[in-house]
Amino acid sequence: MEKNSQDKLSSKFVIDTSYLLPIVGIEVEGLNQEDIDKIFRFELYYPMSLIPELIGVIIKEAKKMRLDRIPKEAIEGLNSIIYGGYVKLISPEGEDIEIAYELIRKGCNDIFDALLYATGKRLRLKILSMDKLFRKFLKEHKYDYGILTSHKEIIITSND
């Protein structure tokens, strides 16, 4: 979709794994199809370093459901994320690892959240995330927690 020039600055986001789960057939509490459709109108970036997290969630869900194999929908969804252009995959850089390590040293217990934050900082983009605990961690440790935004915030402000 074409976006007008005033939209340009606020139309790019680094996206957390939670927002990709519906593509692989996993429902996310607080995220409906209408929200997903609106989110994917934006230009979305996904750190390649988070792909293991996405695969881990797919495997964990299949195991929890006691499935004999990973559902075809999950495999096709994963392939469409990686190869289909839903998101722009972003390669990690040394700066990301440095920022992530600093967060981990300060007590962040999720390497994927740390890498997500690092990528957003490096690219100077807002991060779409529903993770309230990570936001709280950033605020408590005096990091830029304002970089995190939820889909509800961007959908309200975008009102197309």
N, C-alpha and C. Protein backbone atom coordinates (compact mmCIF):
# COMPACT_ATOMS: atom_id res chain seq x y z
N MET A 1 0.83 -1.20 0.00
CA MET A 1 0.00 0.00 0.00
C MET A 1 0.87 1.25 0.00
N GLU A 2 0.42 2.25 -0.68
CA GLU A 2 1.12 3.52 -0.76
C GLU A 2 0.89 4.31 0.52
N LYS A 3 1.92 4.88 1.07
CA LYS A 3 1.80 5.69 2.27
C LYS A 3 2.19 7.12 1.91
N ASN A 4 1.46 8.10 2.49
CA ASN A 4 1.83 9.48 2.18
C ASN A 4 3.10 9.85 2.91
N SER A 5 3.74 10.94 2.49
CA SER A 5 5.06 11.28 3.01
C SER A 5 5.07 11.60 4.49
N GLN A 6 4.00 12.14 5.05
CA GLN A 6 3.98 12.42 6.48
C GLN A 6 3.91 11.14 7.30
N ASP A 7 3.43 10.08 6.70
CA ASP A 7 3.38 8.77 7.35
C ASP A 7 4.74 8.09 7.37
N LYS A 8 5.61 8.50 6.47
CA LYS A 8 6.86 7.78 6.22
C LYS A 8 7.70 7.53 7.47
N LEU A 9 7.86 8.53 8.33
CA LEU A 9 8.70 8.39 9.51
C LEU A 9 8.12 7.40 10.51
N SER A 10 6.81 7.32 10.61
CA SER A 10 6.21 6.47 11.63
C SER A 10 5.68 5.15 11.06
N SER A 11 6.07 4.80 9.85
CA SER A 11 5.50 3.61 9.24
C SER A 11 6.44 2.41 9.25
N LYS A 12 7.59 2.53 9.92
CA LYS A 12 8.56 1.43 9.97
C LYS A 12 8.75 1.00 11.42
N PHE A 13 8.74 -0.32 11.62
CA PHE A 13 8.89 -0.86 12.97
C PHE A 13 9.72 -2.13 12.94
N VAL A 14 10.49 -2.33 14.01
CA VAL A 14 11.10 -3.63 14.26
C VAL A 14 10.04 -4.41 15.01
N ILE A 15 9.80 -5.63 14.61
CA ILE A 15 8.67 -6.40 15.14
C ILE A 15 9.14 -7.55 16.01
N ASP A 16 8.43 -7.74 17.12
CA ASP A 16 8.71 -8.84 18.03
C ASP A 16 8.09 -10.13 17.48
N THR A 17 8.63 -11.24 17.89
CA THR A 17 8.18 -12.56 17.43
C THR A 17 6.69 -12.78 17.65
N SER A 18 6.14 -12.27 18.73
CA SER A 18 4.72 -12.47 19.03
C SER A 18 3.81 -12.12 17.86
N TYR A 19 4.19 -11.08 17.12
CA TYR A 19 3.36 -10.63 16.01
C TYR A 19 3.46 -11.54 14.79
N LEU A 20 4.45 -12.41 14.76
CA LEU A 20 4.59 -13.34 13.64
C LEU A 20 3.95 -14.70 13.92
N LEU A 21 3.63 -14.95 15.17
CA LEU A 21 3.07 -16.26 15.54
C LEU A 21 1.78 -16.61 14.78
N PRO A 22 0.87 -15.65 14.57
CA PRO A 22 -0.34 -16.01 13.80
C PRO A 22 -0.03 -16.51 12.39
N ILE A 23 1.07 -16.06 11.80
CA ILE A 23 1.44 -16.51 10.45
C ILE A 23 1.80 -18.00 10.47
N VAL A 24 2.31 -18.49 11.60
CA VAL A 24 2.66 -19.90 11.71
C VAL A 24 1.55 -20.71 12.39
N GLY A 25 0.38 -20.08 12.54
CA GLY A 25 -0.79 -20.78 13.06
C GLY A 25 -0.92 -20.79 14.57
N ILE A 26 -0.23 -19.91 15.26
CA ILE A 26 -0.30 -19.86 16.72
C ILE A 26 -1.04 -18.59 17.13
N GLU A 27 -2.13 -18.78 17.87
CA GLU A 27 -2.91 -17.64 18.35
C GLU A 27 -2.16 -16.91 19.45
N VAL A 28 -2.35 -15.59 19.47
CA VAL A 28 -1.73 -14.75 20.48
C VAL A 28 -2.82 -13.98 21.20
N GLU A 29 -2.85 -14.11 22.51
CA GLU A 29 -3.84 -13.40 23.31
C GLU A 29 -3.69 -11.89 23.12
N GLY A 30 -4.80 -11.22 22.87
CA GLY A 30 -4.78 -9.78 22.70
C GLY A 30 -4.49 -9.32 21.28
N LEU A 31 -4.44 -10.27 20.35
CA LEU A 31 -4.13 -9.95 18.96
C LEU A 31 -5.16 -10.65 18.07
N ASN A 32 -5.99 -9.86 17.39
CA ASN A 32 -6.99 -10.46 16.51
C ASN A 32 -6.63 -10.25 15.04
N GLN A 33 -7.39 -10.85 14.16
CA GLN A 33 -7.07 -10.80 12.72
C GLN A 33 -7.09 -9.37 12.19
N GLU A 34 -8.01 -8.57 12.67
CA GLU A 34 -8.08 -7.17 12.22
C GLU A 34 -6.80 -6.42 12.61
N ASP A 35 -6.33 -6.65 13.83
CA ASP A 35 -5.07 -6.04 14.29
C ASP A 35 -3.91 -6.47 13.39
N ILE A 36 -3.85 -7.77 13.12
CA ILE A 36 -2.77 -8.32 12.29
C ILE A 36 -2.78 -7.68 10.90
N ASP A 37 -3.96 -7.59 10.32
CA ASP A 37 -4.08 -6.97 8.99
C ASP A 37 -3.57 -5.53 9.00
N LYS A 38 -3.88 -4.79 10.05
CA LYS A 38 -3.44 -3.39 10.15
C LYS A 38 -1.93 -3.31 10.37
N ILE A 39 -1.40 -4.19 11.20
CA ILE A 39 0.05 -4.18 11.49
C ILE A 39 0.85 -4.42 10.21
N PHE A 40 0.39 -5.35 9.39
CA PHE A 40 1.14 -5.71 8.19
C PHE A 40 0.99 -4.70 7.05
N ARG A 41 0.32 -3.59 7.31
CA ARG A 41 0.32 -2.47 6.36
C ARG A 41 1.58 -1.62 6.54
N PHE A 42 2.23 -1.78 7.68
CA PHE A 42 3.44 -1.03 7.96
C PHE A 42 4.65 -1.75 7.37
N GLU A 43 5.75 -1.04 7.29
CA GLU A 43 7.01 -1.64 6.87
C GLU A 43 7.64 -2.27 8.11
N LEU A 44 7.77 -3.59 8.10
CA LEU A 44 8.20 -4.31 9.29
C LEU A 44 9.57 -4.96 9.08
N TYR A 45 10.37 -4.89 10.14
CA TYR A 45 11.71 -5.46 10.14
C TYR A 45 11.78 -6.51 11.25
N TYR A 46 12.42 -7.62 10.95
CA TYR A 46 12.55 -8.70 11.94
C TYR A 46 14.01 -9.13 12.00
N PRO A 47 14.59 -9.06 13.20
CA PRO A 47 15.99 -9.48 13.34
C PRO A 47 16.17 -10.97 13.05
N MET A 48 17.12 -11.30 12.20
CA MET A 48 17.42 -12.71 11.91
C MET A 48 17.78 -13.46 13.19
N SER A 49 18.36 -12.75 14.14
CA SER A 49 18.77 -13.39 15.40
C SER A 49 17.58 -13.86 16.23
N LEU A 50 16.35 -13.48 15.84
CA LEU A 50 15.15 -13.93 16.55
C LEU A 50 14.50 -15.15 15.89
N ILE A 51 15.00 -15.57 14.74
CA ILE A 51 14.43 -16.74 14.07
C ILE A 51 14.49 -17.98 14.97
N PRO A 52 15.58 -18.22 15.71
CA PRO A 52 15.56 -19.38 16.63
C PRO A 52 14.45 -19.31 17.68
N GLU A 53 14.11 -18.10 18.11
CA GLU A 53 12.99 -17.95 19.06
C GLU A 53 11.69 -18.39 18.40
N LEU A 54 11.46 -17.95 17.17
CA LEU A 54 10.25 -18.30 16.44
C LEU A 54 10.16 -19.82 16.25
N ILE A 55 11.25 -20.43 15.84
CA ILE A 55 11.28 -21.89 15.66
C ILE A 55 11.04 -22.59 17.00
N GLY A 56 11.64 -22.07 18.06
CA GLY A 56 11.45 -22.65 19.39
C GLY A 56 10.00 -22.62 19.83
N VAL A 57 9.30 -21.53 19.55
CA VAL A 57 7.88 -21.43 19.92
C VAL A 57 7.06 -22.43 19.12
N ILE A 58 7.36 -22.56 17.83
CA ILE A 58 6.64 -23.53 16.99
C ILE A 58 6.81 -24.94 17.57
N ILE A 59 8.03 -25.31 17.89
CA ILE A 59 8.30 -26.65 18.44
C ILE A 59 7.64 -26.84 19.79
N LYS A 60 7.74 -25.84 20.65
CA LYS A 60 7.14 -25.91 21.99
C LYS A 60 5.62 -26.10 21.90
N GLU A 61 4.98 -25.36 21.00
CA GLU A 61 3.53 -25.47 20.84
C GLU A 61 3.14 -26.85 20.29
N ALA A 62 3.88 -27.35 19.33
CA ALA A 62 3.59 -28.68 18.77
C ALA A 62 3.74 -29.75 19.85
N LYS A 63 4.77 -29.61 20.67
CA LYS A 63 5.00 -30.57 21.75
C LYS A 63 3.87 -30.49 22.79
N LYS A 64 3.48 -29.27 23.14
CA LYS A 64 2.41 -29.06 24.11
C LYS A 64 1.10 -29.69 23.63
N MET A 65 0.88 -29.64 22.32
CA MET A 65 -0.33 -30.22 21.74
C MET A 65 -0.18 -31.72 21.46
N ARG A 66 1.01 -32.26 21.76
CA ARG A 66 1.31 -33.68 21.57
C ARG A 66 1.13 -34.12 20.11
N LEU A 67 1.56 -33.27 19.22
CA LEU A 67 1.45 -33.57 17.79
C LEU A 67 2.57 -34.52 17.37
N ASP A 68 2.28 -35.34 16.38
CA ASP A 68 3.30 -36.25 15.84
C ASP A 68 4.33 -35.51 14.99
N ARG A 69 3.91 -34.40 14.41
CA ARG A 69 4.82 -33.63 13.56
C ARG A 69 4.40 -32.16 13.59
N ILE A 70 5.28 -31.34 13.11
CA ILE A 70 4.99 -29.90 13.01
C ILE A 70 3.93 -29.72 11.92
N PRO A 71 2.87 -28.98 12.21
CA PRO A 71 1.82 -28.78 11.20
C PRO A 71 2.36 -28.10 9.93
N LYS A 72 1.79 -28.51 8.81
CA LYS A 72 2.17 -27.95 7.51
C LYS A 72 2.01 -26.42 7.52
N GLU A 73 0.95 -25.93 8.16
CA GLU A 73 0.69 -24.49 8.25
C GLU A 73 1.86 -23.76 8.92
N ALA A 74 2.43 -24.38 9.94
CA ALA A 74 3.56 -23.77 10.64
C ALA A 74 4.79 -23.71 9.75
N ILE A 75 5.06 -24.80 9.04
CA ILE A 75 6.21 -24.85 8.14
C ILE A 75 6.05 -23.83 7.01
N GLU A 76 4.87 -23.81 6.40
CA GLU A 76 4.62 -22.85 5.32
C GLU A 76 4.68 -21.42 5.82
N GLY A 77 4.15 -21.18 7.03
CA GLY A 77 4.20 -19.85 7.62
C GLY A 77 5.62 -19.40 7.87
N LEU A 78 6.44 -20.29 8.43
CA LEU A 78 7.84 -19.98 8.68
C LEU A 78 8.55 -19.64 7.36
N ASN A 79 8.33 -20.47 6.36
CA ASN A 79 8.95 -20.22 5.06
C ASN A 79 8.49 -18.89 4.46
N SER A 80 7.22 -18.56 4.66
CA SER A 80 6.73 -17.29 4.10
C SER A 80 7.33 -16.10 4.84
N ILE A 81 7.60 -16.25 6.12
CA ILE A 81 8.26 -15.18 6.88
C ILE A 81 9.69 -15.00 6.37
N ILE A 82 10.39 -16.10 6.21
CA ILE A 82 11.80 -16.04 5.81
C ILE A 82 11.97 -15.65 4.34
N TYR A 83 11.12 -16.20 3.47
CA TYR A 83 11.31 -16.00 2.04
C TYR A 83 10.23 -15.17 1.34
N GLY A 84 9.13 -14.91 2.04
CA GLY A 84 7.96 -14.33 1.36
C GLY A 84 7.79 -12.83 1.42
N GLY A 85 8.64 -12.13 2.16
CA GLY A 85 8.55 -10.68 2.16
C GLY A 85 7.54 -10.07 3.13
N TYR A 86 6.97 -10.88 4.04
CA TYR A 86 6.09 -10.31 5.06
C TYR A 86 6.84 -9.24 5.86
N VAL A 87 8.09 -9.54 6.12
CA VAL A 87 8.96 -8.66 6.89
C VAL A 87 10.31 -8.59 6.19
N LYS A 88 11.05 -7.54 6.50
CA LYS A 88 12.42 -7.45 6.00
C LYS A 88 13.32 -8.02 7.08
N LEU A 89 14.05 -9.07 6.75
CA LEU A 89 14.95 -9.68 7.72
C LEU A 89 16.20 -8.82 7.86
N ILE A 90 16.60 -8.61 9.10
CA ILE A 90 17.76 -7.77 9.40
C ILE A 90 18.87 -8.62 9.98
N SER A 91 20.03 -8.57 9.34
CA SER A 91 21.20 -9.30 9.84
C SER A 91 21.72 -8.63 11.11
N PRO A 92 22.22 -9.44 12.04
CA PRO A 92 22.80 -8.85 13.25
C PRO A 92 24.15 -8.21 12.95
N GLU A 93 24.48 -7.24 13.76
CA GLU A 93 25.79 -6.59 13.66
C GLU A 93 26.43 -6.61 15.04
N GLY A 94 27.72 -6.38 15.08
CA GLY A 94 28.45 -6.38 16.35
C GLY A 94 27.86 -5.46 17.40
N GLU A 95 27.38 -4.31 16.95
CA GLU A 95 26.76 -3.34 17.87
C GLU A 95 25.57 -3.97 18.59
N ASP A 96 24.80 -4.80 17.88
CA ASP A 96 23.64 -5.46 18.49
C ASP A 96 24.07 -6.35 19.64
N ILE A 97 25.14 -7.09 19.42
CA ILE A 97 25.62 -8.01 20.45
C ILE A 97 26.12 -7.23 21.67
N GLU A 98 26.78 -6.11 21.42
CA GLU A 98 27.28 -5.29 22.52
C GLU A 98 26.13 -4.75 23.37
N ILE A 99 25.10 -4.22 22.70
CA ILE A 99 23.94 -3.68 23.43
C ILE A 99 23.21 -4.81 24.15
N ALA A 100 23.01 -5.93 23.47
CA ALA A 100 22.31 -7.06 24.09
C ALA A 100 23.06 -7.55 25.33
N TYR A 101 24.38 -7.64 25.23
CA TYR A 101 25.18 -8.11 26.36
C TYR A 101 25.08 -7.14 27.54
N GLU A 102 25.06 -5.87 27.26
CA GLU A 102 24.91 -4.87 28.32
C GLU A 102 23.57 -5.08 29.06
N LEU A 103 22.50 -5.32 28.30
CA LEU A 103 21.20 -5.56 28.91
C LEU A 103 21.20 -6.84 29.75
N ILE A 104 21.82 -7.88 29.24
CA ILE A 104 21.90 -9.16 29.95
C ILE A 104 22.69 -8.97 31.25
N ARG A 105 23.79 -8.26 31.18
CA ARG A 105 24.60 -7.99 32.38
C ARG A 105 23.81 -7.22 33.44
N LYS A 106 22.88 -6.37 32.98
CA LYS A 106 22.07 -5.57 33.92
C LYS A 106 20.90 -6.36 34.48
N GLY A 107 20.71 -7.60 33.98
CA GLY A 107 19.65 -8.43 34.55
C GLY A 107 18.54 -8.85 33.62
N CYS A 108 18.59 -8.42 32.37
CA CYS A 108 17.58 -8.87 31.41
C CYS A 108 17.75 -10.39 31.26
N ASN A 109 16.65 -11.12 31.37
CA ASN A 109 16.76 -12.58 31.33
C ASN A 109 16.33 -13.20 29.99
N ASP A 110 16.15 -12.36 28.98
CA ASP A 110 15.70 -12.87 27.69
C ASP A 110 16.61 -12.32 26.59
N ILE A 111 17.47 -13.18 26.08
CA ILE A 111 18.41 -12.77 25.04
C ILE A 111 17.70 -12.25 23.80
N PHE A 112 16.52 -12.80 23.50
CA PHE A 112 15.80 -12.38 22.31
C PHE A 112 15.23 -10.97 22.47
N ASP A 113 14.73 -10.65 23.66
CA ASP A 113 14.29 -9.27 23.93
C ASP A 113 15.48 -8.31 23.81
N ALA A 114 16.62 -8.73 24.35
CA ALA A 114 17.81 -7.88 24.30
C ALA A 114 18.24 -7.64 22.85
N LEU A 115 18.21 -8.67 22.03
CA LEU A 115 18.59 -8.52 20.61
C LEU A 115 17.57 -7.68 19.84
N LEU A 116 16.31 -7.84 20.16
CA LEU A 116 15.25 -7.03 19.55
C LEU A 116 15.49 -5.55 19.85
N TYR A 117 15.73 -5.25 21.13
CA TYR A 117 15.99 -3.88 21.55
C TYR A 117 17.23 -3.33 20.84
N ALA A 118 18.28 -4.11 20.81
CA ALA A 118 19.53 -3.67 20.19
C ALA A 118 19.32 -3.34 18.71
N THR A 119 18.55 -4.16 18.03
CA THR A 119 18.29 -3.93 16.61
C THR A 119 17.49 -2.64 16.42
N GLY A 120 16.47 -2.45 17.24
CA GLY A 120 15.68 -1.23 17.16
C GLY A 120 16.52 0.01 17.41
N LYS A 121 17.40 -0.06 18.41
CA LYS A 121 18.27 1.08 18.71
C LYS A 121 19.20 1.37 17.53
N ARG A 122 19.81 0.32 16.99
CA ARG A 122 20.74 0.51 15.88
C ARG A 122 20.05 1.11 14.66
N LEU A 123 18.86 0.62 14.36
CA LEU A 123 18.13 1.10 13.19
C LEU A 123 17.38 2.40 13.45
N ARG A 124 17.33 2.80 14.73
CA ARG A 124 16.60 4.01 15.15
C ARG A 124 15.13 3.91 14.77
N LEU A 125 14.55 2.73 15.04
CA LEU A 125 13.14 2.49 14.77
C LEU A 125 12.43 2.09 16.04
N LYS A 126 11.14 2.39 16.10
CA LYS A 126 10.30 1.91 17.19
C LYS A 126 10.19 0.39 17.09
N ILE A 127 9.92 -0.23 18.23
CA ILE A 127 9.80 -1.68 18.30
C ILE A 127 8.37 -2.04 18.67
N LEU A 128 7.73 -2.87 17.85
CA LEU A 128 6.40 -3.38 18.18
C LEU A 128 6.56 -4.56 19.12
N SER A 129 6.07 -4.40 20.35
CA SER A 129 6.19 -5.46 21.34
C SER A 129 5.05 -5.33 22.34
N MET A 130 4.54 -6.47 22.78
CA MET A 130 3.51 -6.50 23.81
C MET A 130 4.11 -6.83 25.18
N ASP A 131 5.41 -6.89 25.26
CA ASP A 131 6.11 -7.36 26.46
C ASP A 131 6.21 -6.27 27.53
N LYS A 132 5.27 -6.28 28.44
CA LYS A 132 5.22 -5.26 29.51
C LYS A 132 6.35 -5.44 30.51
N LEU A 133 6.77 -6.68 30.76
CA LEU A 133 7.87 -6.91 31.70
C LEU A 133 9.18 -6.36 31.17
N PHE A 134 9.41 -6.53 29.87
CA PHE A 134 10.64 -6.00 29.27
C PHE A 134 10.62 -4.47 29.31
N ARG A 135 9.48 -3.90 29.02
CA ARG A 135 9.32 -2.44 29.08
C ARG A 135 9.64 -1.95 30.50
N LYS A 136 9.12 -2.66 31.50
CA LYS A 136 9.37 -2.31 32.89
C LYS A 136 10.86 -2.41 33.21
N PHE A 137 11.50 -3.49 32.74
CA PHE A 137 12.94 -3.66 32.95
C PHE A 137 13.71 -2.47 32.37
N LEU A 138 13.39 -2.09 31.14
CA LEU A 138 14.08 -0.98 30.50
C LEU A 138 13.90 0.31 31.30
N LYS A 139 12.67 0.55 31.74
CA LYS A 139 12.38 1.77 32.50
C LYS A 139 13.15 1.78 33.82
N GLU A 140 13.12 0.65 34.54
CA GLU A 140 13.80 0.56 35.83
C GLU A 140 15.30 0.74 35.71
N HIS A 141 15.86 0.34 34.59
CA HIS A 141 17.31 0.43 34.39
C HIS A 141 17.70 1.64 33.54
N LYS A 142 16.75 2.55 33.39
CA LYS A 142 16.98 3.84 32.72
C LYS A 142 17.42 3.72 31.26
N TYR A 143 16.85 2.73 30.58
CA TYR A 143 17.05 2.60 29.14
C TYR A 143 15.87 3.27 28.44
N ASP A 144 15.98 3.44 27.15
CA ASP A 144 14.94 4.07 26.36
C ASP A 144 13.76 3.11 26.19
N TYR A 145 12.87 3.11 27.17
CA TYR A 145 11.70 2.23 27.11
C TYR A 145 10.64 2.77 26.16
N GLY A 146 10.72 4.05 25.82
CA GLY A 146 9.77 4.65 24.88
C GLY A 146 9.90 4.11 23.47
N ILE A 147 10.99 3.42 23.21
CA ILE A 147 11.20 2.81 21.89
C ILE A 147 10.21 1.66 21.66
N LEU A 148 9.70 1.08 22.76
CA LEU A 148 8.73 -0.01 22.64
C LEU A 148 7.33 0.57 22.50
N THR A 149 6.58 0.03 21.59
CA THR A 149 5.18 0.43 21.41
C THR A 149 4.37 -0.82 21.10
N SER A 150 3.11 -0.79 21.42
CA SER A 150 2.27 -1.96 21.13
C SER A 150 1.45 -1.70 19.87
N HIS A 151 0.89 -2.76 19.34
CA HIS A 151 0.05 -2.63 18.15
C HIS A 151 -1.15 -1.74 18.44
N LYS A 152 -1.64 -1.78 19.68
CA LYS A 152 -2.80 -0.96 20.03
C LYS A 152 -2.47 0.52 19.89
N GLU A 153 -1.26 0.90 20.27
CA GLU A 153 -0.85 2.30 20.17
C GLU A 153 -0.72 2.74 18.71
N ILE A 154 -0.14 1.91 17.86
CA ILE A 154 0.05 2.34 16.47
C ILE A 154 -1.25 2.26 15.67
N ILE A 155 -2.12 1.33 16.02
CA ILE A 155 -3.40 1.22 15.30
C ILE A 155 -4.27 2.42 15.62
N ILE A 156 -4.27 2.85 16.87
CA ILE A 156 -5.06 4.02 17.28
C ILE A 156 -4.55 5.27 16.56
N THR A 157 -3.21 5.43 16.50
CA THR A 157 -2.67 6.64 15.89
C THR A 157 -2.69 6.62 14.37
N SER A 158 -2.79 5.43 13.77
CA SER A 158 -2.75 5.37 12.30
C SER A 158 -4.12 5.55 11.66
N ASN A 159 -5.16 5.16 12.38
CA ASN A 159 -6.55 5.27 11.90
C ASN A 159 -6.71 5.57 10.42
N ASP A 160 -6.50 4.55 9.60
CA ASP A 160 -6.75 4.80 8.17
C ASP A 160 -8.10 4.31 7.90
